[in-house]
Amino acid sequence: MLATLLLLVNAIAMGYSEGTTKRCNLDGMSYVLDVDTGVDDAMALMEMLSYNKCVEAITVVAGNTNLENAYNNTMRVLQEIKQERRDRLLRKDDENQLPRVRLRVTVRNGTTF
């Protein structure tokens, strides 16, 4: 399965240019991707980053595989498409270092929370 994933990533990644990470436009949509990186999430990561979508964060959880494999798969995909994140990666033991943020959520009908 992993060999298939890596072959797929290699085949698709040839179309990506190096260093396409961009600063997010505050007026546009921003995305947080929550992945358990198997083949489906690998494809989603590559598509979002190839179209220069504003990906603010990528979180990794267990799902299709255990947490360690999901994390390693995610890092392989990012390395393969030259999108290594320079941000500090937080692990479970670092959760007390997460910044406290306030979110303002607006749904399509205009309701704000």
Protein backbone atom coordinates (compact mmCIF):
# COMPACT_ATOMS: atom_id res chain seq x y z
CA MET A 1 0.00 0.00 0.00
CA LEU A 2 2.76 2.45 0.95
CA ALA A 3 4.69 1.60 -2.22
CA THR A 4 1.54 2.33 -4.23
CA LEU A 5 1.12 5.64 -2.43
CA LEU A 6 4.72 6.66 -3.08
CA LEU A 7 4.46 5.71 -6.76
CA LEU A 8 1.27 7.72 -7.04
CA VAL A 9 2.87 10.69 -5.29
CA ASN A 10 5.93 10.50 -7.55
CA ALA A 11 3.81 10.35 -10.68
CA ILE A 12 1.62 13.27 -9.69
CA ALA A 13 4.30 15.41 -8.05
CA MET A 14 6.18 15.85 -11.32
CA GLY A 15 3.70 18.58 -12.23
CA TYR A 16 4.33 20.64 -9.10
CA SER A 17 6.83 23.45 -8.96
CA GLU A 18 9.19 23.86 -6.05
CA GLY A 19 8.44 26.46 -3.41
CA THR A 20 4.87 27.31 -4.34
CA THR A 21 3.82 28.04 -0.77
CA LYS A 22 2.25 31.49 -0.66
CA ARG A 23 1.21 33.91 2.01
CA CYS A 24 -2.49 33.81 2.67
CA ASN A 25 -4.69 36.62 1.47
CA LEU A 26 -6.80 37.74 4.41
CA ASP A 27 -9.73 38.47 2.09
CA GLY A 28 -9.79 34.93 0.66
CA MET A 29 -10.74 31.54 2.04
CA SER A 30 -8.32 29.85 4.41
CA TYR A 31 -8.24 26.12 5.05
CA VAL A 32 -7.21 23.82 7.88
CA LEU A 33 -6.77 20.27 6.64
CA ASP A 34 -7.39 17.43 9.09
CA VAL A 35 -5.89 14.29 7.57
CA ASP A 36 -5.22 10.64 8.36
CA THR A 37 -3.11 10.47 5.24
CA GLY A 38 -3.91 7.46 3.17
CA VAL A 39 -4.26 7.69 -0.62
CA ASP A 40 -7.38 9.90 -0.49
CA ASP A 41 -5.87 12.48 1.85
CA ALA A 42 -2.56 12.43 -0.03
CA MET A 43 -4.50 13.41 -3.16
CA ALA A 44 -6.35 16.15 -1.24
CA LEU A 45 -3.08 17.57 0.12
CA MET A 46 -1.50 17.63 -3.32
CA GLU A 47 -4.54 19.26 -4.91
CA MET A 48 -4.92 21.97 -2.27
CA LEU A 49 -1.23 22.86 -2.35
CA SER A 50 -0.89 22.66 -6.13
CA TYR A 51 -3.63 25.23 -6.64
CA ASN A 52 -2.03 27.54 -4.08
CA LYS A 53 -5.00 27.38 -1.74
CA CYS A 54 -4.40 29.13 1.55
CA VAL A 55 -3.65 26.18 3.81
CA GLU A 56 -3.13 27.65 7.26
CA ALA A 57 -2.51 24.36 9.03
CA ILE A 58 -2.44 20.62 8.54
CA THR A 59 -3.44 18.42 11.45
CA VAL A 60 -2.77 14.70 11.48
CA VAL A 61 -4.95 12.14 13.23
CA ALA A 62 -5.22 8.36 13.32
CA GLY A 63 -7.85 6.91 11.01
CA ASN A 64 -6.96 4.88 7.94
CA THR A 65 -3.75 4.03 9.79
CA ASN A 66 -2.21 4.71 13.19
CA LEU A 67 -1.02 8.21 14.12
CA GLU A 68 2.68 7.57 13.51
CA ASN A 69 2.07 6.21 9.99
CA ALA A 70 -0.37 9.02 9.19
CA TYR A 71 2.21 11.61 10.30
CA ASN A 72 5.01 9.95 8.30
CA ASN A 73 2.79 9.67 5.22
CA THR A 74 1.85 13.35 5.49
CA MET A 75 5.49 14.41 5.76
CA ARG A 76 6.40 12.24 2.75
CA VAL A 77 3.69 13.86 0.65
CA LEU A 78 4.81 17.36 1.66
CA GLN A 79 8.46 16.55 0.96
CA GLU A 80 7.62 14.97 -2.38
CA ILE A 81 5.82 18.06 -3.64
CA LYS A 82 8.44 20.38 -2.12
CA GLN A 83 6.03 21.81 0.45
CA GLU A 84 7.80 21.05 3.71
CA ARG A 85 6.24 23.20 6.37
CA ARG A 86 8.66 25.46 8.19
CA ASP A 87 6.19 26.01 11.01
CA ARG A 88 6.79 24.30 14.31
CA LEU A 89 5.19 20.90 14.37
CA LEU A 90 3.32 20.21 17.58
CA ARG A 91 2.88 16.76 19.00
CA LYS A 92 0.50 15.56 21.68
CA ASP A 93 2.94 16.43 24.47
CA ASP A 94 3.13 20.03 23.21
CA GLU A 95 -0.59 20.78 23.43
CA ASN A 96 -0.11 23.24 26.30
CA GLN A 97 1.99 25.38 23.92
CA LEU A 98 -0.87 25.93 21.50
CA PRO A 99 -1.87 29.59 21.22
CA ARG A 100 -5.30 30.58 22.45
CA VAL A 101 -7.31 31.98 19.57
CA ARG A 102 -10.75 33.43 19.10
CA LEU A 103 -12.66 32.32 16.08
CA ARG A 104 -15.45 34.14 14.35
CA VAL A 105 -17.42 31.70 12.28
CA THR A 106 -19.88 32.87 9.64
CA VAL A 107 -22.03 30.32 7.86
CA ARG A 108 -23.38 30.81 4.37
CA ASN A 109 -26.70 32.26 5.50
CA GLY A 110 -24.84 35.06 7.28
CA THR A 111 -25.22 33.81 10.84
CA THR A 112 -22.15 34.65 12.92
CA PHE A 113 -21.08 32.76 16.03
